[in-house]
Amino acid sequence: MSADGAKNMSIIVTKGTLDWAYPPFILATTAAAMGLNVAMFFTFYGLPLLLRKLDLQLSPLGNPAMKMPLAGLHMGMPNVASMLPFMDAGATAMMKDLMKKKRVASIEELRSLAVESEVRLIGCQMTMDLFDYSLEDMIDGVEIGGAATYIEVASRSGINLFV
């Protein structure tokens, strides 16, 4: 609990595909709207979610739970078909179209909401160094920290999630 009496929540964000970008941002913005102090720690493949320009993709490969509504059915894609060229692009386009039709907020919108809601967005310094990113590559409002920064945040949080 923080000095102002609000509860704290931390989220480690490790994945940067279109489908994996939604859970941490939805959880963070919802918790912030409920009055929690939220910190998100972006590391490895989650770090690109903080880049100014997003190019999020989706891959059905190895994801048997991904069944898209098509012609009144929920159809999955066999793994062998997922390996064909351009299948990731097709799956991404289908998902983005479905989200638009269902009026699901974009990751850019959720990210902006997180900033407006004062969610702490912490980019992992080691990952930034590893993948040659700079603070200028990131959206405004990102702070840089390492494992010690996250551990400090997590030790004060009643809710710690790894997404």
N, C-alpha and C. Protein backbone atom coordinates (compact mmCIF):
# COMPACT_ATOMS: atom_id res chain seq x y z
N MET A 1 0.84 -1.17 0.00
CA MET A 1 0.00 0.00 0.00
C MET A 1 0.89 1.24 0.00
N SER A 2 0.50 2.24 -0.76
CA SER A 2 1.31 3.45 -0.86
C SER A 2 1.00 4.42 0.27
N ALA A 3 1.75 5.49 0.31
CA ALA A 3 1.58 6.50 1.36
C ALA A 3 0.18 7.10 1.34
N ASP A 4 -0.44 7.18 0.15
CA ASP A 4 -1.78 7.77 0.06
C ASP A 4 -2.88 6.75 0.35
N GLY A 5 -2.51 5.51 0.72
CA GLY A 5 -3.49 4.49 1.08
C GLY A 5 -3.97 3.65 -0.09
N ALA A 6 -3.55 3.98 -1.32
CA ALA A 6 -3.99 3.20 -2.48
C ALA A 6 -3.20 1.90 -2.56
N LYS A 7 -3.84 0.88 -3.11
CA LYS A 7 -3.15 -0.38 -3.33
C LYS A 7 -2.26 -0.26 -4.56
N ASN A 8 -1.24 -1.12 -4.60
CA ASN A 8 -0.29 -1.11 -5.71
C ASN A 8 -0.34 -2.43 -6.47
N MET A 9 -0.11 -2.33 -7.79
CA MET A 9 -0.06 -3.50 -8.64
C MET A 9 1.10 -3.36 -9.60
N SER A 10 1.82 -4.46 -9.84
CA SER A 10 2.89 -4.45 -10.83
C SER A 10 2.63 -5.54 -11.86
N ILE A 11 3.08 -5.27 -13.08
CA ILE A 11 2.94 -6.23 -14.17
C ILE A 11 4.28 -6.30 -14.91
N ILE A 12 4.80 -7.50 -15.10
CA ILE A 12 5.96 -7.70 -15.96
C ILE A 12 5.41 -8.06 -17.34
N VAL A 13 5.79 -7.28 -18.36
CA VAL A 13 5.31 -7.48 -19.72
C VAL A 13 6.45 -8.05 -20.54
N THR A 14 6.28 -9.29 -21.02
CA THR A 14 7.37 -9.98 -21.70
C THR A 14 7.08 -10.34 -23.16
N LYS A 15 5.87 -10.08 -23.63
CA LYS A 15 5.50 -10.48 -24.99
C LYS A 15 4.97 -9.27 -25.75
N GLY A 16 5.29 -9.21 -27.04
CA GLY A 16 4.93 -8.03 -27.82
C GLY A 16 4.12 -8.30 -29.06
N THR A 17 3.44 -9.44 -29.12
CA THR A 17 2.57 -9.68 -30.27
C THR A 17 1.22 -9.02 -30.03
N LEU A 18 0.43 -8.89 -31.09
CA LEU A 18 -0.87 -8.22 -30.98
C LEU A 18 -1.74 -8.86 -29.91
N ASP A 19 -1.85 -10.17 -29.91
CA ASP A 19 -2.70 -10.85 -28.94
C ASP A 19 -2.18 -10.75 -27.51
N TRP A 20 -0.86 -10.74 -27.34
CA TRP A 20 -0.29 -10.68 -26.00
C TRP A 20 -0.14 -9.25 -25.48
N ALA A 21 -0.36 -8.26 -26.33
CA ALA A 21 -0.26 -6.87 -25.88
C ALA A 21 -1.50 -6.45 -25.10
N TYR A 22 -2.63 -7.05 -25.39
CA TYR A 22 -3.88 -6.63 -24.76
C TYR A 22 -3.96 -6.92 -23.26
N PRO A 23 -3.69 -8.14 -22.78
CA PRO A 23 -3.90 -8.40 -21.35
C PRO A 23 -3.20 -7.42 -20.40
N PRO A 24 -1.90 -7.13 -20.57
CA PRO A 24 -1.29 -6.23 -19.59
C PRO A 24 -1.86 -4.81 -19.62
N PHE A 25 -2.17 -4.30 -20.82
CA PHE A 25 -2.72 -2.94 -20.89
C PHE A 25 -4.15 -2.88 -20.37
N ILE A 26 -4.95 -3.89 -20.65
CA ILE A 26 -6.32 -3.91 -20.12
C ILE A 26 -6.30 -4.02 -18.60
N LEU A 27 -5.47 -4.92 -18.08
CA LEU A 27 -5.39 -5.06 -16.62
C LEU A 27 -4.86 -3.79 -15.97
N ALA A 28 -3.84 -3.18 -16.55
CA ALA A 28 -3.25 -1.97 -15.96
C ALA A 28 -4.23 -0.80 -15.96
N THR A 29 -4.89 -0.57 -17.09
CA THR A 29 -5.81 0.58 -17.16
C THR A 29 -7.05 0.35 -16.30
N THR A 30 -7.50 -0.89 -16.22
CA THR A 30 -8.64 -1.19 -15.36
C THR A 30 -8.28 -0.98 -13.89
N ALA A 31 -7.12 -1.48 -13.49
CA ALA A 31 -6.68 -1.31 -12.10
C ALA A 31 -6.50 0.17 -11.77
N ALA A 32 -5.92 0.94 -12.71
CA ALA A 32 -5.74 2.38 -12.48
C ALA A 32 -7.10 3.06 -12.32
N ALA A 33 -8.07 2.66 -13.14
CA ALA A 33 -9.42 3.24 -13.04
C ALA A 33 -10.08 2.89 -11.70
N MET A 34 -9.66 1.78 -11.11
CA MET A 34 -10.19 1.36 -9.81
C MET A 34 -9.42 1.97 -8.64
N GLY A 35 -8.46 2.84 -8.95
CA GLY A 35 -7.74 3.55 -7.90
C GLY A 35 -6.43 2.94 -7.47
N LEU A 36 -5.96 1.89 -8.14
CA LEU A 36 -4.68 1.29 -7.80
C LEU A 36 -3.54 2.05 -8.45
N ASN A 37 -2.40 2.09 -7.79
CA ASN A 37 -1.17 2.59 -8.39
C ASN A 37 -0.57 1.42 -9.17
N VAL A 38 -0.34 1.62 -10.46
CA VAL A 38 0.09 0.52 -11.32
C VAL A 38 1.44 0.84 -11.95
N ALA A 39 2.32 -0.16 -11.96
CA ALA A 39 3.60 -0.07 -12.66
C ALA A 39 3.70 -1.25 -13.60
N MET A 40 4.11 -0.97 -14.84
CA MET A 40 4.34 -2.01 -15.84
C MET A 40 5.82 -2.02 -16.17
N PHE A 41 6.44 -3.20 -16.08
CA PHE A 41 7.86 -3.36 -16.38
C PHE A 41 7.98 -4.13 -17.69
N PHE A 42 8.47 -3.47 -18.73
CA PHE A 42 8.55 -4.03 -20.07
C PHE A 42 9.96 -4.57 -20.31
N THR A 43 10.05 -5.88 -20.55
CA THR A 43 11.34 -6.50 -20.76
C THR A 43 11.31 -7.43 -21.96
N PHE A 44 12.43 -7.69 -22.52
CA PHE A 44 12.62 -8.53 -23.71
C PHE A 44 11.57 -8.20 -24.77
N TYR A 45 10.77 -9.16 -25.20
CA TYR A 45 9.89 -8.92 -26.35
C TYR A 45 8.68 -8.06 -26.01
N GLY A 46 8.49 -7.75 -24.76
CA GLY A 46 7.44 -6.80 -24.37
C GLY A 46 7.88 -5.36 -24.54
N LEU A 47 9.18 -5.10 -24.53
CA LEU A 47 9.70 -3.73 -24.62
C LEU A 47 9.24 -3.00 -25.89
N PRO A 48 9.17 -3.64 -27.06
CA PRO A 48 8.73 -2.91 -28.26
C PRO A 48 7.31 -2.33 -28.16
N LEU A 49 6.53 -2.75 -27.18
CA LEU A 49 5.20 -2.16 -26.99
C LEU A 49 5.29 -0.70 -26.57
N LEU A 50 6.47 -0.25 -26.18
CA LEU A 50 6.67 1.15 -25.80
C LEU A 50 7.23 2.00 -26.95
N LEU A 51 7.52 1.38 -28.08
CA LEU A 51 8.05 2.14 -29.20
C LEU A 51 7.01 3.12 -29.74
N ARG A 52 7.48 4.26 -30.23
CA ARG A 52 6.58 5.28 -30.79
C ARG A 52 5.71 4.69 -31.90
N LYS A 53 6.32 3.92 -32.78
CA LYS A 53 5.57 3.33 -33.90
C LYS A 53 5.44 1.83 -33.65
N LEU A 54 4.20 1.40 -33.53
CA LEU A 54 3.94 -0.02 -33.31
C LEU A 54 3.67 -0.71 -34.64
N ASP A 55 4.15 -1.92 -34.76
CA ASP A 55 3.86 -2.77 -35.90
C ASP A 55 3.56 -4.15 -35.34
N LEU A 56 2.43 -4.26 -34.66
CA LEU A 56 2.10 -5.49 -33.96
C LEU A 56 1.58 -6.55 -34.93
N GLN A 57 2.08 -7.74 -34.76
CA GLN A 57 1.69 -8.88 -35.58
C GLN A 57 1.12 -9.97 -34.68
N LEU A 58 0.50 -10.93 -35.30
CA LEU A 58 -0.09 -12.05 -34.60
C LEU A 58 0.32 -13.32 -35.34
N SER A 59 0.63 -14.37 -34.61
CA SER A 59 0.99 -15.63 -35.26
C SER A 59 0.12 -16.74 -34.71
N PRO A 60 -0.61 -17.41 -35.58
CA PRO A 60 -1.41 -18.55 -35.12
C PRO A 60 -0.57 -19.80 -34.88
N LEU A 61 0.69 -19.79 -35.29
CA LEU A 61 1.55 -20.96 -35.16
C LEU A 61 1.72 -21.33 -33.68
N GLY A 62 1.39 -22.56 -33.37
CA GLY A 62 1.54 -23.03 -32.00
C GLY A 62 0.49 -22.50 -31.05
N ASN A 63 -0.60 -21.96 -31.58
CA ASN A 63 -1.66 -21.41 -30.75
C ASN A 63 -2.98 -22.09 -31.13
N PRO A 64 -3.19 -23.32 -30.68
CA PRO A 64 -4.40 -24.05 -31.07
C PRO A 64 -5.68 -23.45 -30.49
N ALA A 65 -5.56 -22.61 -29.48
CA ALA A 65 -6.74 -21.99 -28.90
C ALA A 65 -7.28 -20.85 -29.75
N MET A 66 -6.48 -20.40 -30.72
CA MET A 66 -6.90 -19.28 -31.56
C MET A 66 -7.87 -19.78 -32.62
N LYS A 67 -9.13 -19.55 -32.38
CA LYS A 67 -10.17 -19.92 -33.33
C LYS A 67 -10.92 -18.64 -33.71
N MET A 68 -10.91 -18.31 -34.97
CA MET A 68 -11.52 -17.08 -35.45
C MET A 68 -12.95 -17.36 -35.90
N PRO A 69 -13.88 -16.42 -35.59
CA PRO A 69 -15.24 -16.60 -36.11
C PRO A 69 -15.23 -16.41 -37.62
N LEU A 70 -15.72 -17.42 -38.32
CA LEU A 70 -15.74 -17.39 -39.77
C LEU A 70 -16.95 -18.17 -40.26
N ALA A 71 -17.80 -17.53 -41.01
CA ALA A 71 -19.00 -18.16 -41.58
C ALA A 71 -19.86 -18.82 -40.49
N GLY A 72 -19.98 -18.16 -39.36
CA GLY A 72 -20.82 -18.67 -38.27
C GLY A 72 -20.19 -19.75 -37.42
N LEU A 73 -18.95 -20.09 -37.72
CA LEU A 73 -18.23 -21.11 -36.94
C LEU A 73 -17.00 -20.50 -36.31
N HIS A 74 -16.40 -21.21 -35.40
CA HIS A 74 -15.12 -20.80 -34.83
C HIS A 74 -14.08 -21.78 -35.37
N MET A 75 -13.27 -21.27 -36.29
CA MET A 75 -12.35 -22.15 -37.00
C MET A 75 -10.91 -21.88 -36.59
N GLY A 76 -10.21 -22.95 -36.31
CA GLY A 76 -8.79 -22.86 -36.03
C GLY A 76 -7.98 -23.12 -37.28
N MET A 77 -6.72 -22.80 -37.22
CA MET A 77 -5.84 -23.02 -38.36
C MET A 77 -4.86 -24.12 -38.00
N PRO A 78 -4.74 -25.15 -38.84
CA PRO A 78 -3.75 -26.19 -38.54
C PRO A 78 -2.34 -25.60 -38.52
N ASN A 79 -1.50 -26.12 -37.63
CA ASN A 79 -0.14 -25.61 -37.52
C ASN A 79 0.61 -25.65 -38.84
N VAL A 80 0.38 -26.66 -39.64
CA VAL A 80 1.09 -26.76 -40.91
C VAL A 80 0.73 -25.59 -41.82
N ALA A 81 -0.52 -25.15 -41.81
CA ALA A 81 -0.93 -24.00 -42.62
C ALA A 81 -0.32 -22.71 -42.07
N SER A 82 -0.12 -22.65 -40.76
CA SER A 82 0.45 -21.46 -40.13
C SER A 82 1.88 -21.19 -40.57
N MET A 83 2.54 -22.21 -41.07
CA MET A 83 3.93 -22.06 -41.48
C MET A 83 4.08 -21.50 -42.89
N LEU A 84 2.98 -21.40 -43.61
CA LEU A 84 3.05 -20.89 -44.98
C LEU A 84 3.36 -19.39 -44.98
N PRO A 85 4.05 -18.92 -46.02
CA PRO A 85 4.34 -17.48 -46.10
C PRO A 85 3.06 -16.66 -46.06
N PHE A 86 3.13 -15.53 -45.42
CA PHE A 86 2.05 -14.55 -45.33
C PHE A 86 0.89 -14.96 -44.43
N MET A 87 0.96 -16.10 -43.77
CA MET A 87 -0.13 -16.49 -42.88
C MET A 87 -0.20 -15.60 -41.65
N ASP A 88 0.98 -15.19 -41.13
CA ASP A 88 0.97 -14.25 -40.00
C ASP A 88 0.29 -12.95 -40.40
N ALA A 89 0.61 -12.45 -41.58
CA ALA A 89 0.00 -11.20 -42.06
C ALA A 89 -1.50 -11.36 -42.22
N GLY A 90 -1.93 -12.51 -42.73
CA GLY A 90 -3.36 -12.77 -42.89
C GLY A 90 -4.07 -12.86 -41.55
N ALA A 91 -3.48 -13.59 -40.61
CA ALA A 91 -4.07 -13.71 -39.28
C ALA A 91 -4.12 -12.35 -38.59
N THR A 92 -3.07 -11.55 -38.76
CA THR A 92 -3.03 -10.21 -38.17
C THR A 92 -4.14 -9.35 -38.75
N ALA A 93 -4.28 -9.37 -40.06
CA ALA A 93 -5.32 -8.56 -40.71
C ALA A 93 -6.71 -9.00 -40.26
N MET A 94 -6.93 -10.31 -40.17
CA MET A 94 -8.23 -10.80 -39.71
C MET A 94 -8.53 -10.35 -38.28
N MET A 95 -7.53 -10.44 -37.41
CA MET A 95 -7.73 -10.05 -36.01
C MET A 95 -7.99 -8.55 -35.90
N LYS A 96 -7.21 -7.75 -36.62
CA LYS A 96 -7.41 -6.30 -36.57
C LYS A 96 -8.79 -5.92 -37.10
N ASP A 97 -9.23 -6.60 -38.15
CA ASP A 97 -10.56 -6.35 -38.71
C ASP A 97 -11.65 -6.73 -37.70
N LEU A 98 -11.49 -7.88 -37.06
CA LEU A 98 -12.45 -8.32 -36.06
C LEU A 98 -12.51 -7.33 -34.90
N MET A 99 -11.35 -6.86 -34.44
CA MET A 99 -11.31 -5.91 -33.33
C MET A 99 -11.97 -4.59 -33.71
N LYS A 100 -11.75 -4.16 -34.94
CA LYS A 100 -12.37 -2.92 -35.41
C LYS A 100 -13.89 -3.07 -35.46
N LYS A 101 -14.36 -4.20 -35.99
CA LYS A 101 -15.80 -4.45 -36.06
C LYS A 101 -16.44 -4.50 -34.68
N LYS A 102 -15.73 -5.07 -33.73
CA LYS A 102 -16.24 -5.21 -32.35
C LYS A 102 -15.93 -3.98 -31.50
N ARG A 103 -15.30 -2.99 -32.10
CA ARG A 103 -14.94 -1.72 -31.44
C ARG A 103 -14.06 -1.94 -30.20
N VAL A 104 -13.10 -2.81 -30.34
CA VAL A 104 -12.10 -3.03 -29.28
C VAL A 104 -11.05 -1.93 -29.41
N ALA A 105 -10.70 -1.33 -28.31
CA ALA A 105 -9.69 -0.27 -28.32
C ALA A 105 -8.38 -0.81 -28.87
N SER A 106 -7.67 0.04 -29.59
CA SER A 106 -6.37 -0.36 -30.12
C SER A 106 -5.32 -0.32 -29.00
N ILE A 107 -4.20 -0.96 -29.25
CA ILE A 107 -3.11 -0.92 -28.27
C ILE A 107 -2.64 0.52 -28.11
N GLU A 108 -2.58 1.28 -29.20
CA GLU A 108 -2.19 2.70 -29.10
C GLU A 108 -3.13 3.46 -28.17
N GLU A 109 -4.44 3.18 -28.28
CA GLU A 109 -5.42 3.84 -27.40
C GLU A 109 -5.24 3.40 -25.96
N LEU A 110 -5.06 2.12 -25.74
CA LEU A 110 -4.87 1.62 -24.37
C LEU A 110 -3.58 2.16 -23.76
N ARG A 111 -2.55 2.25 -24.58
CA ARG A 111 -1.27 2.79 -24.12
C ARG A 111 -1.42 4.25 -23.72
N SER A 112 -2.13 5.03 -24.53
CA SER A 112 -2.39 6.45 -24.20
C SER A 112 -3.20 6.55 -22.91
N LEU A 113 -4.18 5.68 -22.76
CA LEU A 113 -4.99 5.68 -21.54
C LEU A 113 -4.12 5.36 -20.32
N ALA A 114 -3.18 4.43 -20.49
CA ALA A 114 -2.27 4.10 -19.39
C ALA A 114 -1.45 5.33 -18.99
N VAL A 115 -0.94 6.06 -19.97
CA VAL A 115 -0.17 7.28 -19.68
C VAL A 115 -1.06 8.30 -18.97
N GLU A 116 -2.26 8.52 -19.50
CA GLU A 116 -3.20 9.47 -18.88
C GLU A 116 -3.57 9.06 -17.47
N SER A 117 -3.61 7.76 -17.21
CA SER A 117 -3.99 7.24 -15.89
C SER A 117 -2.81 7.16 -14.94
N GLU A 118 -1.66 7.68 -15.37
CA GLU A 118 -0.45 7.71 -14.57
C GLU A 118 0.08 6.33 -14.20
N VAL A 119 -0.12 5.37 -15.11
CA VAL A 119 0.51 4.07 -14.94
C VAL A 119 2.00 4.27 -15.20
N ARG A 120 2.84 3.75 -14.33
CA ARG A 120 4.29 3.84 -14.55
C ARG A 120 4.68 2.84 -15.63
N LEU A 121 5.29 3.34 -16.68
CA LEU A 121 5.77 2.50 -17.78
C LEU A 121 7.28 2.45 -17.68
N ILE A 122 7.80 1.31 -17.25
CA ILE A 122 9.23 1.17 -17.01
C ILE A 122 9.83 0.25 -18.08
N GLY A 123 10.74 0.81 -18.86
CA GLY A 123 11.47 0.03 -19.86
C GLY A 123 12.72 -0.55 -19.24
N CYS A 124 12.96 -1.82 -19.50
CA CYS A 124 14.13 -2.51 -18.95
C CYS A 124 15.41 -2.00 -19.60
N GLN A 125 16.30 -1.47 -18.81
CA GLN A 125 17.55 -0.91 -19.32
C GLN A 125 18.39 -1.97 -20.03
N MET A 126 18.51 -3.15 -19.44
CA MET A 126 19.32 -4.19 -20.05
C MET A 126 18.76 -4.57 -21.43
N THR A 127 17.44 -4.69 -21.53
CA THR A 127 16.82 -5.03 -22.81
C THR A 127 17.01 -3.91 -23.82
N MET A 128 16.92 -2.67 -23.37
CA MET A 128 17.16 -1.54 -24.27
C MET A 128 18.57 -1.60 -24.82
N ASP A 129 19.53 -1.87 -23.96
CA ASP A 129 20.92 -1.98 -24.40
C ASP A 129 21.10 -3.17 -25.35
N LEU A 130 20.50 -4.30 -25.00
CA LEU A 130 20.63 -5.52 -25.79
C LEU A 130 20.11 -5.34 -27.22
N PHE A 131 18.97 -4.66 -27.36
CA PHE A 131 18.34 -4.51 -28.67
C PHE A 131 18.58 -3.13 -29.29
N ASP A 132 19.52 -2.37 -28.74
CA ASP A 132 19.90 -1.06 -29.28
C ASP A 132 18.74 -0.07 -29.39
N TYR A 133 17.93 0.02 -28.34
CA TYR A 133 16.88 1.04 -28.28
C TYR A 133 17.37 2.19 -27.42
N SER A 134 16.85 3.37 -27.70
CA SER A 134 17.15 4.53 -26.85
C SER A 134 15.83 5.09 -26.33
N LEU A 135 15.91 5.96 -25.36
CA LEU A 135 14.72 6.58 -24.81
C LEU A 135 13.97 7.37 -25.88
N GLU A 136 14.69 7.91 -26.85
CA GLU A 136 14.06 8.66 -27.94
C GLU A 136 13.20 7.77 -28.82
N ASP A 137 13.45 6.47 -28.83
CA ASP A 137 12.65 5.52 -29.60
C ASP A 137 11.29 5.25 -28.95
N MET A 138 11.20 5.58 -27.66
CA MET A 138 10.02 5.24 -26.87
C MET A 138 9.01 6.38 -26.83
N ILE A 139 7.76 6.05 -26.50
CA ILE A 139 6.73 7.07 -26.32
C ILE A 139 7.10 7.94 -25.13
N ASP A 140 6.50 9.11 -25.05
CA ASP A 140 6.72 10.00 -23.91
C ASP A 140 6.16 9.36 -22.65
N GLY A 141 6.83 9.57 -21.55
CA GLY A 141 6.36 9.08 -20.27
C GLY A 141 7.00 7.79 -19.80
N VAL A 142 7.89 7.22 -20.62
CA VAL A 142 8.57 5.98 -20.23
C VAL A 142 9.74 6.32 -19.34
N GLU A 143 9.89 5.56 -18.28
CA GLU A 143 11.09 5.67 -17.45
C GLU A 143 11.92 4.40 -17.65
N ILE A 144 13.18 4.50 -17.37
CA ILE A 144 14.10 3.38 -17.57
C ILE A 144 14.50 2.84 -16.20
N GLY A 145 14.55 1.52 -16.09
CA GLY A 145 14.96 0.90 -14.85
C GLY A 145 15.41 -0.52 -15.11
N GLY A 146 15.96 -1.11 -14.10
CA GLY A 146 16.44 -2.48 -14.22
C GLY A 146 15.70 -3.40 -13.28
N ALA A 147 16.27 -4.57 -13.07
CA ALA A 147 15.65 -5.57 -12.21
C ALA A 147 15.42 -5.01 -10.80
N ALA A 148 16.38 -4.24 -10.29
CA ALA A 148 16.23 -3.67 -8.94
C ALA A 148 15.04 -2.73 -8.87
N THR A 149 14.82 -1.97 -9.94
CA THR A 149 13.66 -1.07 -9.98
C THR A 149 12.38 -1.88 -9.88
N TYR A 150 12.29 -2.95 -10.68
CA TYR A 150 11.09 -3.77 -10.64
C TYR A 150 10.91 -4.42 -9.27
N ILE A 151 11.98 -4.96 -8.71
CA ILE A 151 11.87 -5.63 -7.41
C ILE A 151 11.41 -4.65 -6.33
N GLU A 152 11.90 -3.42 -6.39
CA GLU A 152 11.44 -2.40 -5.44
C GLU A 152 9.94 -2.17 -5.59
N VAL A 153 9.47 -2.04 -6.83
CA VAL A 153 8.04 -1.85 -7.10
C VAL A 153 7.25 -3.07 -6.63
N ALA A 154 7.70 -4.25 -7.00
CA ALA A 154 6.98 -5.48 -6.66
C ALA A 154 6.90 -5.71 -5.16
N SER A 155 7.95 -5.34 -4.44
CA SER A 155 7.96 -5.57 -2.99
C SER A 155 6.94 -4.70 -2.27
N ARG A 156 6.48 -3.63 -2.92
CA ARG A 156 5.46 -2.76 -2.33
C ARG A 156 4.08 -3.03 -2.90
N SER A 157 3.96 -4.00 -3.79
CA SER A 157 2.70 -4.27 -4.47
C SER A 157 1.98 -5.48 -3.87
N GLY A 158 0.69 -5.35 -3.73
CA GLY A 158 -0.12 -6.46 -3.26
C GLY A 158 -0.49 -7.40 -4.40
N ILE A 159 -0.39 -6.92 -5.63
CA ILE A 159 -0.70 -7.72 -6.82
C ILE A 159 0.49 -7.64 -7.75
N ASN A 160 1.08 -8.78 -8.08
CA ASN A 160 2.20 -8.86 -9.01
C ASN A 160 1.86 -9.87 -10.08
N LEU A 161 1.86 -9.42 -11.34
CA LEU A 161 1.49 -10.29 -12.46
C LEU A 161 2.64 -10.41 -13.46
N PHE A 162 2.76 -11.58 -14.04
CA PHE A 162 3.75 -11.84 -15.09
C PHE A 162 2.97 -12.21 -16.34
N VAL A 163 2.99 -11.31 -17.34
CA VAL A 163 2.18 -11.52 -18.55
C VAL A 163 3.09 -11.60 -19.75
